[in-house]
Amino acid sequence: MFLVYNSADCSAKIPSTNYSQALNLFSSSLQSLYEEEDSGLIEQHSDLKHSPNIILNPKKYKKLSFNKKLQQLLCEDLTVDGWVDKDIDPSDIKIKRITGALTNSVFFVSYDGAPTVLLRVYGPSSTLLISRPREMHILNTLSRHYNLGPKIYGTFANGRVEEWFSSRPCSKDDIRSDLKIDIAKRMRELHQVDLKKMNVVGPVAPGYNERSTSYGVWDNISSWLTPASVVLKRLSRVKFPESHNYYNLVESINLPLLIQEFNAYEDFLREYEEINGASPLVFCHNDTQPGNILLLDRRPVDKPSHHKICVIDFEYAAPNARGYDIANHFTEWRYDYHHETLSWKPLLSYPSEEDRRGFYDAYVVDSEKQQPGWFERLEMERKTWSPASLAMWGIWAIVQSRDQVKAMGSKFGTTVSSLHTSTGADMAVNLEERTSAVVLDDSSSDEEAPAQEGGDDFEYLLYAKAKIDAFREEYYNLKEECPLKRPSN
């Protein structure tokens, strides 16, 4: 099952608590900072250009030094078509930051006479969540073999440059409109991708994973639990005033109990599908929130009408149950990531039965519609896999809050545990602090070194709490509404 945690302190159990073992524990999650993994996948795309010495700080995108690095990246290092052999004045490069991206910082980069490109700067915590070699393999394979997603022009130390589409991200209202029919058809096309060609039936996230499974959601949760535990341990040290939103948040999340609930839910789901049949394993996007769905200004020539929709951001794409992908998209109907005053607003209305039926009707091929009960079948797949989506994004948000928690510790002060009596998560926190210092020292001479103090305004921890609360509610309701009944002989 999942990793085993100490219920007293939310820390990962280590057989013998010493510093070297804490190092092994935490370095498994940070290994992508120090070595390139999945060398076989990297070799498959050796023609992709890479600029290892360019590091961009997204918080300084308005500074001229940022433009100068972009000029070197696009014109010299990656030699992007249309940017090479131009006498470009860095001060004339136009950069527009795009809102709504939850993991990375995303920009449109343009210059008169050159094609606009999309610049993606990886978030500081994303190395704990995503295997970049696997992500690049997925992006290249989808683009080259299936004409899905953007072309990749090249990568740099903390990001990549992609093809730009003349488009706009869908809004919360768009996905509720007739565009939901186009989204359903595009989802079906992605689910028809050959899993063998994708060659990613294994852990998508970096780090050691003792479970062997072909479902990306379980691999992700299992891999993310250790860094999430470290974040919560750090959060538990912060001296919040009682009036603060995060006061007692660690106790409210209750990670040890949550892990027990994860395990029980997975056991329930496995037994339920043994009795009633499993949701098909397909290649899923896993993150079809509105900001990852583009509405193109012009539909590609000779393409069907639903190709005016383009899905992007395949960072979390992996094999999963189709019920997971459908449920995850429907859950995203309930969140507004472009609220005027809040970083996200929850609890908008869930798709009605009429909305869901219209989506399924567009998603399902005609041959499947000949089978009786096809609508009820999809409904049950959605219902049983929905808690998995909520659980995964709850843990994800905890990990994403890492830099914010560091900043809060500096603001409010922290309690300090003795290294001699500390647990695995305590030692991982201490190790992370030393590791972060090394990374900063490596780049301290570069004014564009990535900032390490979570300045992101997105309320990751409250988002995590909302997702985890919703997981618990759906899981316990599911057990009541769908009791396990094996057919009598």
Protein backbone atom coordinates (compact mmCIF):
# COMPACT_ATOMS: atom_id res chain seq x y z
CA MET A 1 0.00 0.00 0.00
CA PHE A 2 1.17 3.55 0.71
CA LEU A 3 4.10 4.64 2.82
CA VAL A 4 3.70 4.11 6.57
CA TYR A 5 3.57 7.19 8.75
CA ASN A 6 3.87 7.81 12.47
CA SER A 7 0.46 8.96 13.66
CA ALA A 8 1.99 11.08 16.41
CA ASP A 9 3.94 13.46 14.24
CA CYS A 10 2.97 12.98 10.57
CA SER A 11 6.50 11.84 9.70
CA ALA A 12 7.71 8.98 7.55
CA LYS A 13 8.95 6.02 9.57
CA ILE A 14 12.64 5.24 9.16
CA PRO A 15 13.94 1.93 10.58
CA SER A 16 16.84 3.63 12.33
CA THR A 17 16.69 7.39 12.70
CA ASN A 18 20.06 8.69 11.64
CA TYR A 19 21.12 11.47 9.35
CA SER A 20 22.26 9.30 6.44
CA GLN A 21 18.89 7.59 6.27
CA ALA A 22 17.10 10.92 6.37
CA LEU A 23 19.35 11.94 3.50
CA ASN A 24 18.33 8.88 1.49
CA LEU A 25 14.67 9.49 2.27
CA PHE A 26 14.59 13.10 1.21
CA SER A 27 17.06 12.89 -1.68
CA SER A 28 14.71 10.40 -3.35
CA SER A 29 12.25 13.26 -3.76
CA LEU A 30 14.90 15.82 -4.69
CA GLN A 31 16.96 13.65 -7.02
CA SER A 32 15.82 15.52 -10.10
CA LEU A 33 17.69 18.57 -8.76
CA TYR A 34 21.03 16.79 -8.94
CA GLU A 35 20.87 14.15 -11.67
CA GLU A 36 18.96 13.46 -14.86
CA GLU A 37 16.67 10.48 -14.52
CA ASP A 38 15.06 8.21 -17.08
CA SER A 39 18.09 8.34 -19.36
CA GLY A 40 16.39 6.04 -21.86
CA LEU A 41 13.58 8.55 -22.36
CA ILE A 42 16.10 11.37 -22.71
CA GLU A 43 18.01 9.47 -25.39
CA GLN A 44 14.80 8.98 -27.38
CA HIS A 45 14.58 12.77 -27.75
CA SER A 46 18.27 13.63 -28.01
CA ASP A 47 17.52 15.97 -30.91
CA LEU A 48 15.69 18.34 -28.55
CA LYS A 49 17.90 21.37 -27.84
CA HIS A 50 18.81 22.24 -24.26
CA SER A 51 20.42 25.31 -22.67
CA PRO A 52 21.72 24.13 -19.27
CA ASN A 53 23.15 27.48 -18.13
CA ILE A 54 20.06 29.68 -18.54
CA ILE A 55 18.14 30.16 -15.28
CA LEU A 56 15.16 32.52 -15.30
CA ASN A 57 13.49 34.05 -12.26
CA PRO A 58 9.81 34.59 -13.15
CA LYS A 59 9.52 37.29 -10.50
CA LYS A 60 11.97 39.44 -12.46
CA TYR A 61 10.34 39.19 -15.86
CA LYS A 62 9.98 42.99 -16.08
CA LYS A 63 13.73 43.57 -15.76
CA LEU A 64 16.00 44.08 -18.77
CA SER A 65 18.31 41.32 -17.56
CA PHE A 66 15.43 38.86 -18.05
CA ASN A 67 15.04 40.00 -21.67
CA LYS A 68 18.76 39.65 -22.29
CA LYS A 69 18.69 36.05 -21.15
CA LEU A 70 15.66 35.42 -23.34
CA GLN A 71 17.52 36.80 -26.35
CA GLN A 72 20.41 34.43 -25.72
CA LEU A 73 18.04 31.51 -25.13
CA LEU A 74 15.88 31.98 -28.23
CA CYS A 75 18.43 33.33 -30.70
CA GLU A 76 21.65 31.55 -29.76
CA ASP A 77 21.06 28.50 -27.58
CA LEU A 78 17.81 27.04 -28.92
CA THR A 79 17.97 28.77 -32.36
CA VAL A 80 14.18 29.01 -32.58
CA ASP A 81 12.98 29.50 -36.16
CA GLY A 82 12.23 33.17 -36.82
CA TRP A 83 14.42 34.34 -33.92
CA VAL A 84 17.79 33.39 -35.37
CA ASP A 85 19.94 35.86 -37.34
CA LYS A 86 17.91 38.86 -36.21
CA ASP A 87 19.43 41.99 -34.75
CA ILE A 88 17.15 41.93 -31.71
CA ASP A 89 17.18 44.68 -29.11
CA PRO A 90 16.36 42.92 -25.80
CA SER A 91 14.43 45.95 -24.59
CA ASP A 92 11.97 45.48 -27.48
CA ILE A 93 11.08 41.92 -26.55
CA LYS A 94 7.50 41.89 -25.26
CA ILE A 95 6.62 39.59 -22.38
CA LYS A 96 3.07 38.95 -21.17
CA ARG A 97 2.48 36.90 -18.04
CA ILE A 98 -0.47 34.50 -18.16
CA THR A 99 -2.61 33.96 -15.08
CA GLY A 100 -4.29 30.72 -14.07
CA ALA A 101 -1.24 28.42 -14.23
CA LEU A 102 -1.03 26.61 -10.88
CA THR A 103 2.32 24.78 -11.14
CA ASN A 104 4.52 26.97 -13.34
CA SER A 105 4.92 30.58 -14.46
CA VAL A 106 3.80 31.00 -18.07
CA PHE A 107 4.56 33.88 -20.46
CA PHE A 108 3.89 34.85 -24.06
CA VAL A 109 7.10 36.17 -25.63
CA SER A 110 6.92 38.23 -28.83
CA TYR A 111 9.05 40.48 -31.03
CA ASP A 112 8.16 42.30 -34.23
CA GLY A 113 8.96 40.04 -37.15
CA ALA A 114 9.45 36.92 -35.03
CA PRO A 115 6.91 34.24 -34.12
CA THR A 116 5.40 34.45 -30.66
CA VAL A 117 6.49 31.62 -28.36
CA LEU A 118 5.31 30.35 -25.01
CA LEU A 119 7.83 30.43 -22.17
CA ARG A 120 7.24 28.08 -19.26
CA VAL A 121 9.32 28.55 -16.09
CA TYR A 122 9.00 25.61 -13.75
CA GLY A 123 7.68 26.24 -10.24
CA PRO A 124 10.21 25.86 -7.41
CA SER A 125 8.38 22.87 -5.92
CA SER A 126 7.58 21.15 -9.21
CA THR A 127 10.72 18.99 -9.13
CA LEU A 128 9.14 17.18 -6.18
CA LEU A 129 6.00 16.49 -8.21
CA ILE A 130 7.02 15.88 -11.81
CA SER A 131 9.59 13.80 -13.66
CA ARG A 132 10.67 16.26 -16.35
CA PRO A 133 12.26 13.63 -18.65
CA ARG A 134 8.99 11.70 -18.67
CA GLU A 135 7.02 14.87 -19.24
CA MET A 136 9.19 15.80 -22.23
CA HIS A 137 8.79 12.29 -23.63
CA ILE A 138 5.01 12.60 -23.36
CA LEU A 139 4.93 16.05 -24.94
CA ASN A 140 7.17 15.09 -27.85
CA THR A 141 5.33 11.84 -28.52
CA LEU A 142 1.89 13.46 -28.46
CA SER A 143 3.02 16.33 -30.68
CA ARG A 144 4.92 14.26 -33.24
CA HIS A 145 2.71 11.19 -33.51
CA TYR A 146 -0.77 12.40 -32.60
CA ASN A 147 -0.73 16.14 -33.35
CA LEU A 148 -1.83 16.74 -29.77
CA GLY A 149 -0.39 19.60 -27.77
CA PRO A 150 2.32 22.12 -28.65
CA LYS A 151 5.65 21.62 -30.39
CA ILE A 152 8.63 21.88 -28.02
CA TYR A 153 11.40 24.18 -29.29
CA GLY A 154 13.80 23.36 -26.48
CA THR A 155 14.49 23.43 -22.77
CA PHE A 156 16.65 25.34 -20.31
CA ALA A 157 17.74 24.82 -16.70
CA ASN A 158 14.37 25.60 -15.14
CA GLY A 159 11.88 25.61 -17.98
CA ARG A 160 11.11 25.17 -21.66
CA VAL A 161 10.01 27.05 -24.79
CA GLU A 162 6.90 25.85 -26.65
CA GLU A 163 4.84 26.59 -29.71
CA TRP A 164 2.34 29.38 -29.12
CA PHE A 165 -1.26 29.07 -30.24
CA SER A 166 -3.30 32.15 -31.09
CA SER A 167 -5.95 31.45 -28.51
CA ARG A 168 -7.31 32.15 -25.08
CA PRO A 169 -7.76 29.83 -22.10
CA CYS A 170 -11.28 28.66 -21.44
CA SER A 171 -13.11 30.27 -18.57
CA LYS A 172 -15.33 28.67 -15.94
CA ASP A 173 -18.29 29.71 -18.10
CA ASP A 174 -16.82 28.30 -21.33
CA ILE A 175 -16.57 24.75 -20.02
CA ARG A 176 -20.24 24.93 -19.00
CA SER A 177 -21.30 26.07 -22.48
CA ASP A 178 -21.69 24.00 -25.64
CA LEU A 179 -17.89 23.79 -25.70
CA LYS A 180 -18.22 20.90 -23.27
CA ILE A 181 -19.14 18.77 -26.30
CA ASP A 182 -15.83 19.65 -27.98
CA ILE A 183 -13.93 19.03 -24.74
CA ALA A 184 -15.50 15.57 -24.48
CA LYS A 185 -14.46 14.68 -28.04
CA ARG A 186 -10.90 15.88 -27.46
CA MET A 187 -10.76 13.84 -24.25
CA ARG A 188 -11.88 10.76 -26.16
CA GLU A 189 -9.09 11.29 -28.71
CA LEU A 190 -6.49 11.48 -25.95
CA HIS A 191 -7.89 8.35 -24.34
CA GLN A 192 -7.37 6.52 -27.64
CA VAL A 193 -3.59 7.12 -27.57
CA ASP A 194 -1.57 3.88 -27.59
CA LEU A 195 -0.24 3.28 -24.07
CA LYS A 196 2.64 1.18 -25.38
CA LYS A 197 3.81 4.03 -27.60
CA MET A 198 3.72 6.40 -24.65
CA ASN A 199 5.90 3.97 -22.67
CA VAL A 200 5.07 5.55 -19.32
CA VAL A 201 3.28 2.75 -17.48
CA GLY A 202 5.14 3.39 -14.23
CA PRO A 203 5.70 6.11 -11.66
CA VAL A 204 5.16 9.50 -13.22
CA ALA A 205 6.50 11.47 -10.28
CA PRO A 206 10.20 11.36 -9.35
CA GLY A 207 11.40 9.38 -6.39
CA TYR A 208 11.28 5.88 -4.97
CA ASN A 209 7.95 4.11 -5.04
CA GLU A 210 7.51 0.69 -3.47
CA ARG A 211 4.15 0.11 -5.17
CA SER A 212 3.97 -1.44 -8.60
CA THR A 213 0.91 -0.17 -10.41
CA SER A 214 -0.11 1.14 -13.79
CA TYR A 215 -2.43 3.83 -12.42
CA GLY A 216 -0.76 7.23 -12.34
CA VAL A 217 -2.93 8.58 -9.53
CA TRP A 218 -1.73 5.98 -7.00
CA ASP A 219 1.89 6.38 -8.08
CA ASN A 220 1.66 10.14 -7.69
CA ILE A 221 0.05 10.05 -4.26
CA SER A 222 2.57 7.49 -3.02
CA SER A 223 5.52 9.50 -4.34
CA TRP A 224 4.22 12.84 -3.05
CA LEU A 225 3.47 11.73 0.50
CA THR A 226 7.05 12.10 1.71
CA PRO A 227 7.56 15.71 0.56
CA ALA A 228 4.02 16.51 1.76
CA SER A 229 4.92 15.16 5.19
CA VAL A 230 8.01 17.37 5.26
CA VAL A 231 5.93 20.45 4.41
CA LEU A 232 3.40 19.67 7.13
CA LYS A 233 6.17 19.08 9.66
CA ARG A 234 7.60 22.49 8.81
CA LEU A 235 4.10 24.01 9.02
CA SER A 236 3.57 22.48 12.47
CA ARG A 237 6.61 24.45 13.71
CA VAL A 238 5.27 27.84 12.62
CA LYS A 239 3.97 29.96 15.53
CA PHE A 240 0.68 31.11 14.01
CA PRO A 241 -1.62 33.31 16.11
CA GLU A 242 -4.92 31.62 16.97
CA SER A 243 -6.76 33.97 14.60
CA HIS A 244 -4.74 32.83 11.56
CA ASN A 245 -6.34 30.61 8.90
CA TYR A 246 -3.51 28.11 9.24
CA TYR A 247 -3.70 27.75 13.02
CA ASN A 248 -4.30 24.03 13.72
CA LEU A 249 -4.39 23.31 9.96
CA VAL A 250 -1.96 20.39 10.35
CA GLU A 251 -4.27 18.79 12.90
CA SER A 252 -7.28 19.43 10.68
CA ILE A 253 -5.66 17.76 7.66
CA ASN A 254 -4.50 14.88 9.91
CA LEU A 255 -2.16 13.22 7.44
CA PRO A 256 -1.87 9.86 9.28
CA LEU A 257 -5.65 9.47 9.26
CA LEU A 258 -5.77 10.62 5.65
CA ILE A 259 -3.33 7.90 4.62
CA GLN A 260 -5.46 5.27 6.33
CA GLU A 261 -8.46 6.63 4.42
CA PHE A 262 -6.51 6.55 1.13
CA ASN A 263 -5.62 2.91 1.69
CA ALA A 264 -9.16 1.97 2.67
CA TYR A 265 -10.58 3.81 -0.35
CA GLU A 266 -8.18 2.08 -2.74
CA ASP A 267 -9.07 -1.31 -1.26
CA PHE A 268 -12.76 -0.47 -1.60
CA LEU A 269 -12.33 0.64 -5.22
CA ARG A 270 -10.34 -2.45 -6.15
CA GLU A 271 -12.94 -4.78 -4.66
CA TYR A 272 -15.80 -2.80 -6.18
CA GLU A 273 -14.28 -3.09 -9.66
CA GLU A 274 -13.62 -6.82 -9.16
CA ILE A 275 -17.35 -7.22 -8.61
CA ASN A 276 -18.75 -4.70 -11.11
CA GLY A 277 -16.00 -4.35 -13.73
CA ALA A 278 -13.15 -1.87 -13.97
CA SER A 279 -13.03 1.52 -15.61
CA PRO A 280 -10.80 1.10 -18.70
CA LEU A 281 -7.14 2.04 -18.32
CA VAL A 282 -6.40 4.82 -20.85
CA PHE A 283 -3.89 7.60 -21.35
CA CYS A 284 -5.29 10.52 -19.35
CA HIS A 285 -4.50 14.22 -19.14
CA ASN A 286 -5.40 14.18 -15.42
CA ASP A 287 -5.60 17.99 -15.13
CA THR A 288 -8.29 19.34 -17.46
CA GLN A 289 -9.03 22.51 -15.55
CA PRO A 290 -10.19 25.48 -17.71
CA GLY A 291 -6.74 27.10 -17.87
CA ASN A 292 -5.35 23.99 -19.57
CA ILE A 293 -7.98 24.06 -22.33
CA LEU A 294 -7.41 26.61 -25.09
CA LEU A 295 -10.01 28.00 -27.45
CA LEU A 296 -8.17 28.66 -30.70
CA ASP A 297 -8.80 31.86 -32.64
CA ARG A 298 -8.87 29.78 -35.82
CA ARG A 299 -9.61 26.11 -36.23
CA PRO A 300 -6.85 24.24 -38.10
CA VAL A 301 -7.63 23.68 -41.78
CA ASP A 302 -9.11 20.28 -42.65
CA LYS A 303 -9.76 19.44 -39.00
CA PRO A 304 -13.15 18.64 -37.40
CA SER A 305 -14.97 21.42 -35.60
CA HIS A 306 -14.04 20.20 -32.12
CA HIS A 307 -10.37 20.86 -32.94
CA LYS A 308 -10.99 24.50 -32.15
CA ILE A 309 -10.24 23.21 -28.64
CA CYS A 310 -6.61 22.45 -27.79
CA VAL A 311 -5.54 20.83 -24.53
CA ILE A 312 -2.15 21.84 -23.11
CA ASP A 313 -0.02 21.25 -19.98
CA PHE A 314 0.56 17.50 -19.98
CA GLU A 315 2.77 17.60 -16.87
CA TYR A 316 0.57 15.17 -14.98
CA ALA A 317 -0.52 13.05 -17.96
CA ALA A 318 -0.28 9.32 -17.33
CA PRO A 319 -2.24 6.08 -17.65
CA ASN A 320 -5.32 6.18 -15.46
CA ALA A 321 -8.89 4.98 -15.33
CA ARG A 322 -11.03 6.94 -17.76
CA GLY A 323 -13.43 7.50 -14.87
CA TYR A 324 -10.67 9.46 -13.14
CA ASP A 325 -10.19 11.87 -16.06
CA ILE A 326 -13.90 12.48 -16.48
CA ALA A 327 -14.45 12.95 -12.75
CA ASN A 328 -11.47 15.29 -12.47
CA HIS A 329 -12.82 17.51 -15.25
CA PHE A 330 -16.28 17.65 -13.70
CA THR A 331 -14.77 18.54 -10.33
CA GLU A 332 -12.98 21.47 -11.98
CA TRP A 333 -16.38 22.93 -12.87
CA ARG A 334 -16.63 23.82 -9.18
CA TYR A 335 -13.55 26.06 -9.03
CA ASP A 336 -12.94 29.59 -10.28
CA TYR A 337 -9.22 30.34 -10.66
CA HIS A 338 -9.78 33.86 -12.03
CA HIS A 339 -11.77 35.39 -9.21
CA GLU A 340 -11.30 39.15 -8.81
CA THR A 341 -10.13 39.01 -5.20
CA LEU A 342 -9.51 35.34 -4.35
CA SER A 343 -6.80 33.11 -5.82
CA TRP A 344 -9.52 30.50 -6.23
CA LYS A 345 -13.19 30.32 -5.37
CA PRO A 346 -14.71 26.92 -4.60
CA LEU A 347 -18.13 25.36 -4.62
CA LEU A 348 -19.60 26.49 -7.89
CA SER A 349 -22.26 24.10 -9.13
CA TYR A 350 -21.31 20.56 -10.20
CA PRO A 351 -22.41 19.46 -13.70
CA SER A 352 -26.07 18.52 -13.72
CA GLU A 353 -27.25 15.14 -14.97
CA GLU A 354 -28.22 16.82 -18.24
CA ASP A 355 -24.73 18.33 -18.56
CA ARG A 356 -23.11 14.98 -17.82
CA ARG A 357 -25.32 13.14 -20.28
CA GLY A 358 -24.42 15.61 -23.04
CA PHE A 359 -20.72 15.19 -22.25
CA TYR A 360 -20.93 11.39 -22.26
CA ASP A 361 -22.92 11.36 -25.49
CA ALA A 362 -20.10 13.28 -27.21
CA TYR A 363 -17.37 11.21 -25.54
CA VAL A 364 -18.69 7.73 -26.30
CA VAL A 365 -18.27 6.27 -29.79
CA ASP A 366 -21.37 5.00 -31.56
CA SER A 367 -20.47 1.33 -31.08
CA GLU A 368 -20.40 1.73 -27.30
CA LYS A 369 -23.80 3.41 -27.36
CA GLN A 370 -25.25 0.15 -28.68
CA GLN A 371 -24.47 -1.46 -25.33
CA PRO A 372 -27.30 -1.22 -22.79
CA GLY A 373 -26.57 0.81 -19.70
CA TRP A 374 -23.65 2.76 -21.20
CA PHE A 375 -24.72 6.00 -19.49
CA GLU A 376 -25.10 4.34 -16.10
CA ARG A 377 -21.72 2.68 -16.60
CA LEU A 378 -19.93 6.00 -17.15
CA GLU A 379 -21.79 7.53 -14.23
CA MET A 380 -20.53 4.81 -11.91
CA GLU A 381 -16.96 5.13 -13.20
CA ARG A 382 -17.08 8.86 -12.55
CA LYS A 383 -18.56 8.43 -9.11
CA THR A 384 -16.16 5.76 -7.91
CA TRP A 385 -13.00 7.47 -9.20
CA SER A 386 -13.85 11.03 -8.18
CA PRO A 387 -12.37 10.69 -4.65
CA ALA A 388 -9.03 9.69 -6.20
CA SER A 389 -8.82 13.00 -8.05
CA LEU A 390 -9.60 14.97 -4.89
CA ALA A 391 -7.01 13.05 -2.88
CA MET A 392 -4.26 13.53 -5.45
CA TRP A 393 -4.73 17.28 -5.81
CA GLY A 394 -4.98 17.69 -2.05
CA ILE A 395 -1.52 16.15 -1.57
CA TRP A 396 -0.22 18.09 -4.60
CA ALA A 397 -1.30 21.39 -3.07
CA ILE A 398 0.50 20.60 0.19
CA VAL A 399 3.76 20.02 -1.69
CA GLN A 400 3.19 23.17 -3.77
CA SER A 401 2.95 25.23 -0.58
CA ARG A 402 6.53 24.42 0.42
CA ASP A 403 8.04 27.84 -0.29
CA GLN A 404 5.04 29.64 1.20
CA VAL A 405 5.46 27.66 4.42
CA LYS A 406 9.14 28.61 4.52
CA ALA A 407 8.20 32.27 4.17
CA MET A 408 5.58 31.97 6.92
CA GLY A 409 8.18 30.48 9.22
CA SER A 410 10.34 33.54 8.66
CA LYS A 411 7.39 35.84 9.30
CA PHE A 412 5.87 34.26 12.41
CA GLY A 413 8.84 32.38 13.85
CA THR A 414 9.20 28.65 14.42
CA THR A 415 9.81 26.10 17.12
CA VAL A 416 12.89 23.95 16.57
CA SER A 417 13.17 20.21 17.23
CA SER A 418 16.43 18.70 18.39
CA LEU A 419 18.16 16.63 15.72
CA HIS A 420 18.97 13.99 18.35
CA THR A 421 15.30 13.34 19.13
CA SER A 422 13.75 14.27 15.82
CA THR A 423 11.82 12.02 13.48
CA GLY A 424 12.39 11.28 9.82
CA ALA A 425 10.38 14.29 8.68
CA ASP A 426 12.22 16.53 11.18
CA MET A 427 15.55 15.47 9.74
CA ALA A 428 14.24 15.86 6.21
CA VAL A 429 13.29 19.46 7.04
CA ASN A 430 16.77 20.10 8.41
CA LEU A 431 18.31 18.45 5.36
CA GLU A 432 16.08 20.46 3.01
CA GLU A 433 17.22 23.69 4.64
CA ARG A 434 20.87 22.75 4.11
CA THR A 435 20.20 21.55 0.58
CA SER A 436 18.37 24.77 -0.31
CA ALA A 437 21.33 26.75 0.98
CA VAL A 438 23.64 24.81 -1.32
CA VAL A 439 21.41 25.46 -4.32
CA LEU A 440 21.27 29.15 -3.50
CA ASP A 441 25.02 29.34 -3.02
CA ASP A 442 25.51 27.78 -6.43
CA SER A 443 23.59 30.59 -8.10
CA SER A 444 24.09 33.46 -5.70
CA SER A 445 26.26 35.30 -8.21
CA ASP A 446 23.40 35.30 -10.68
CA GLU A 447 20.82 37.98 -10.06
CA GLU A 448 18.29 35.85 -11.89
CA ALA A 449 18.53 32.91 -9.46
CA PRO A 450 15.08 31.53 -8.74
CA ALA A 451 13.48 33.05 -5.68
CA GLN A 452 13.15 30.67 -2.76
CA GLU A 453 10.61 32.53 -0.65
CA GLY A 454 7.12 31.50 -1.72
CA GLY A 455 5.78 34.74 -3.06
CA ASP A 456 2.93 33.07 -4.91
CA ASP A 457 -0.45 34.41 -3.78
CA PHE A 458 -2.31 31.19 -4.52
CA GLU A 459 -3.71 29.74 -1.29
CA TYR A 460 -2.29 26.24 -1.73
CA LEU A 461 -2.86 25.11 1.85
CA LEU A 462 -6.51 26.15 1.98
CA TYR A 463 -6.94 24.58 -1.46
CA ALA A 464 -5.41 21.37 -0.08
CA LYS A 465 -7.78 21.45 2.88
CA ALA A 466 -10.80 21.95 0.59
CA LYS A 467 -9.76 19.03 -1.63
CA ILE A 468 -9.06 16.73 1.32
CA ASP A 469 -12.38 17.60 2.97
CA ALA A 470 -14.16 16.85 -0.32
CA PHE A 471 -12.28 13.53 -0.64
CA ARG A 472 -13.42 12.46 2.80
CA GLU A 473 -17.02 13.44 2.13
CA GLU A 474 -17.17 11.64 -1.22
CA TYR A 475 -15.40 8.52 0.03
CA TYR A 476 -17.71 7.99 3.00
CA ASN A 477 -20.79 8.74 0.89
CA LEU A 478 -19.54 6.26 -1.71
CA LYS A 479 -19.27 3.50 0.88
CA GLU A 480 -22.88 4.09 1.91
CA GLU A 481 -24.31 4.44 -1.59
CA CYS A 482 -22.34 1.62 -3.23
CA PRO A 483 -22.08 -1.27 -0.76
CA LEU A 484 -19.89 -4.17 -1.84
CA LYS A 485 -22.22 -6.98 -2.86
CA ARG A 486 -20.81 -10.01 -4.59
CA PRO A 487 -23.29 -11.91 -6.77
CA SER A 488 -24.63 -15.08 -5.16
CA ASN A 489 -23.65 -18.37 -6.76
